[in-house]
Amino acid sequence: MATGEQLKSMIKTHFSGDKEQFSTVALRIAAHEAKNGHQRIARDIRSLVEEYKNQPQKVVRLKRE
């Protein structure tokens, strides 16, 4: 399981809106899980991060007055 520090970091980056850092923390957690022999959860986390990164970015159009 992720360390307390990793979870705190993930929560902070989520609420700050820093998606790149959020992905980085998630991959660190995946590495931690892999190191502890939890290959399936590590693979699942990496897949989720890759899936997110491959999604098209949403574009918000501003209305002109």
N, C-alpha and C. Protein backbone atom coordinates (compact mmCIF):
# COMPACT_ATOMS: atom_id res chain seq x y z
N MET A 1 0.84 -1.19 0.00
CA MET A 1 0.00 0.00 0.00
C MET A 1 0.88 1.24 0.00
N ALA A 2 0.37 2.30 -0.58
CA ALA A 2 1.12 3.56 -0.66
C ALA A 2 1.44 4.07 0.75
N THR A 3 2.54 4.78 0.83
CA THR A 3 2.91 5.36 2.12
C THR A 3 2.02 6.55 2.41
N GLY A 4 1.97 6.94 3.66
CA GLY A 4 1.19 8.11 4.06
C GLY A 4 1.65 9.36 3.34
N GLU A 5 2.94 9.51 3.17
CA GLU A 5 3.48 10.69 2.48
C GLU A 5 3.05 10.71 1.02
N GLN A 6 3.03 9.54 0.38
CA GLN A 6 2.59 9.47 -1.01
C GLN A 6 1.12 9.86 -1.13
N LEU A 7 0.31 9.36 -0.23
CA LEU A 7 -1.11 9.70 -0.26
C LEU A 7 -1.34 11.19 -0.02
N LYS A 8 -0.62 11.76 0.94
CA LYS A 8 -0.75 13.20 1.19
C LYS A 8 -0.35 14.00 -0.04
N SER A 9 0.73 13.60 -0.68
CA SER A 9 1.19 14.29 -1.88
C SER A 9 0.16 14.19 -2.99
N MET A 10 -0.45 13.03 -3.15
CA MET A 10 -1.45 12.84 -4.19
C MET A 10 -2.66 13.72 -3.93
N ILE A 11 -3.10 13.79 -2.71
CA ILE A 11 -4.25 14.62 -2.37
C ILE A 11 -3.95 16.10 -2.63
N LYS A 12 -2.78 16.55 -2.23
CA LYS A 12 -2.40 17.95 -2.45
C LYS A 12 -2.36 18.28 -3.94
N THR A 13 -1.77 17.41 -4.74
CA THR A 13 -1.66 17.71 -6.17
C THR A 13 -3.03 17.65 -6.85
N HIS A 14 -3.90 16.80 -6.37
CA HIS A 14 -5.25 16.73 -6.93
C HIS A 14 -5.97 18.05 -6.71
N PHE A 15 -5.95 18.55 -5.50
CA PHE A 15 -6.68 19.77 -5.19
C PHE A 15 -6.01 21.02 -5.75
N SER A 16 -4.72 20.94 -6.03
CA SER A 16 -4.06 22.10 -6.64
C SER A 16 -4.27 22.12 -8.15
N GLY A 17 -4.74 21.00 -8.70
CA GLY A 17 -5.00 20.93 -10.13
C GLY A 17 -3.77 20.63 -10.97
N ASP A 18 -2.68 20.24 -10.33
CA ASP A 18 -1.44 19.92 -11.04
C ASP A 18 -1.49 18.49 -11.54
N LYS A 19 -2.04 18.31 -12.74
CA LYS A 19 -2.26 16.97 -13.28
C LYS A 19 -0.97 16.22 -13.56
N GLU A 20 0.05 16.94 -14.01
CA GLU A 20 1.33 16.29 -14.31
C GLU A 20 1.96 15.74 -13.03
N GLN A 21 1.94 16.53 -11.96
CA GLN A 21 2.49 16.07 -10.68
C GLN A 21 1.66 14.94 -10.11
N PHE A 22 0.35 15.01 -10.30
CA PHE A 22 -0.54 13.93 -9.84
C PHE A 22 -0.14 12.62 -10.51
N SER A 23 0.10 12.67 -11.82
CA SER A 23 0.52 11.47 -12.55
C SER A 23 1.86 10.96 -12.04
N THR A 24 2.77 11.88 -11.75
CA THR A 24 4.09 11.51 -11.24
C THR A 24 3.97 10.79 -9.91
N VAL A 25 3.14 11.31 -9.02
CA VAL A 25 2.95 10.67 -7.71
C VAL A 25 2.32 9.30 -7.89
N ALA A 26 1.34 9.19 -8.78
CA ALA A 26 0.69 7.90 -9.02
C ALA A 26 1.71 6.87 -9.51
N LEU A 27 2.61 7.31 -10.40
CA LEU A 27 3.64 6.38 -10.89
C LEU A 27 4.64 6.00 -9.79
N ARG A 28 4.90 6.91 -8.88
CA ARG A 28 5.76 6.57 -7.73
C ARG A 28 5.10 5.52 -6.86
N ILE A 29 3.79 5.66 -6.68
CA ILE A 29 3.05 4.67 -5.90
C ILE A 29 3.10 3.32 -6.62
N ALA A 30 2.94 3.33 -7.94
CA ALA A 30 3.03 2.08 -8.71
C ALA A 30 4.39 1.43 -8.52
N ALA A 31 5.45 2.24 -8.56
CA ALA A 31 6.80 1.70 -8.37
C ALA A 31 6.95 1.11 -6.97
N HIS A 32 6.41 1.78 -5.98
CA HIS A 32 6.46 1.30 -4.60
C HIS A 32 5.75 -0.05 -4.48
N GLU A 33 4.58 -0.15 -5.11
CA GLU A 33 3.82 -1.41 -5.07
C GLU A 33 4.58 -2.53 -5.78
N ALA A 34 5.17 -2.21 -6.92
CA ALA A 34 5.93 -3.23 -7.66
C ALA A 34 7.11 -3.73 -6.83
N LYS A 35 7.77 -2.79 -6.16
CA LYS A 35 8.92 -3.16 -5.32
C LYS A 35 8.51 -4.09 -4.19
N ASN A 36 7.27 -3.92 -3.71
CA ASN A 36 6.77 -4.75 -2.62
C ASN A 36 6.09 -6.03 -3.12
N GLY A 37 6.25 -6.31 -4.42
CA GLY A 37 5.73 -7.56 -4.95
C GLY A 37 4.28 -7.52 -5.39
N HIS A 38 3.70 -6.34 -5.42
CA HIS A 38 2.29 -6.20 -5.81
C HIS A 38 2.22 -5.78 -7.28
N GLN A 39 2.57 -6.72 -8.14
CA GLN A 39 2.69 -6.42 -9.57
C GLN A 39 1.36 -6.05 -10.21
N ARG A 40 0.30 -6.72 -9.81
CA ARG A 40 -1.00 -6.46 -10.45
C ARG A 40 -1.47 -5.03 -10.20
N ILE A 41 -1.43 -4.58 -8.95
CA ILE A 41 -1.88 -3.21 -8.65
C ILE A 41 -0.94 -2.19 -9.29
N ALA A 42 0.35 -2.49 -9.33
CA ALA A 42 1.31 -1.58 -9.96
C ALA A 42 0.99 -1.44 -11.44
N ARG A 43 0.71 -2.54 -12.09
CA ARG A 43 0.36 -2.53 -13.52
C ARG A 43 -0.95 -1.77 -13.74
N ASP A 44 -1.91 -1.97 -12.86
CA ASP A 44 -3.20 -1.28 -12.99
C ASP A 44 -3.03 0.24 -12.85
N ILE A 45 -2.22 0.67 -11.89
CA ILE A 45 -1.98 2.10 -11.69
C ILE A 45 -1.30 2.69 -12.91
N ARG A 46 -0.27 2.02 -13.41
CA ARG A 46 0.42 2.51 -14.62
C ARG A 46 -0.53 2.61 -15.81
N SER A 47 -1.40 1.62 -15.95
CA SER A 47 -2.38 1.63 -17.05
C SER A 47 -3.34 2.81 -16.93
N LEU A 48 -3.79 3.09 -15.73
CA LEU A 48 -4.69 4.22 -15.51
C LEU A 48 -4.02 5.53 -15.86
N VAL A 49 -2.76 5.68 -15.47
CA VAL A 49 -2.03 6.92 -15.78
C VAL A 49 -1.86 7.05 -17.29
N GLU A 50 -1.48 5.98 -17.96
CA GLU A 50 -1.31 6.03 -19.41
C GLU A 50 -2.63 6.33 -20.12
N GLU A 51 -3.69 5.72 -19.63
CA GLU A 51 -5.02 5.96 -20.21
C GLU A 51 -5.38 7.45 -20.11
N TYR A 52 -5.12 8.04 -18.95
CA TYR A 52 -5.39 9.45 -18.75
C TYR A 52 -4.55 10.32 -19.69
N LYS A 53 -3.27 10.00 -19.79
CA LYS A 53 -2.36 10.80 -20.61
C LYS A 53 -2.72 10.72 -22.10
N ASN A 54 -3.34 9.63 -22.53
CA ASN A 54 -3.70 9.45 -23.93
C ASN A 54 -5.06 10.07 -24.28
N GLN A 55 -5.77 10.57 -23.28
CA GLN A 55 -7.06 11.20 -23.56
C GLN A 55 -6.84 12.58 -24.18
N PRO A 56 -7.71 12.95 -25.10
CA PRO A 56 -7.60 14.30 -25.66
C PRO A 56 -7.89 15.33 -24.57
N GLN A 57 -7.16 16.43 -24.63
CA GLN A 57 -7.35 17.48 -23.64
C GLN A 57 -8.60 18.28 -23.97
N LYS A 58 -9.33 18.64 -22.95
CA LYS A 58 -10.54 19.44 -23.14
C LYS A 58 -10.15 20.90 -23.37
N VAL A 59 -10.82 21.50 -24.31
CA VAL A 59 -10.59 22.91 -24.60
C VAL A 59 -11.83 23.68 -24.18
N VAL A 60 -11.62 24.71 -23.40
CA VAL A 60 -12.73 25.53 -22.94
C VAL A 60 -12.73 26.81 -23.76
N ARG A 61 -13.84 27.08 -24.40
CA ARG A 61 -13.94 28.29 -25.20
C ARG A 61 -14.61 29.38 -24.36
N LEU A 62 -14.02 30.55 -24.40
CA LEU A 62 -14.56 31.67 -23.66
C LEU A 62 -15.55 32.43 -24.54
N LYS A 63 -16.63 32.86 -23.94
CA LYS A 63 -17.61 33.64 -24.69
C LYS A 63 -17.14 35.08 -24.78
N ARG A 64 -17.29 35.64 -25.95
CA ARG A 64 -16.96 37.05 -26.13
C ARG A 64 -18.23 37.86 -25.96
N GLU A 65 -18.09 38.95 -25.28
CA GLU A 65 -19.27 39.79 -25.06
C GLU A 65 -19.31 40.91 -26.05
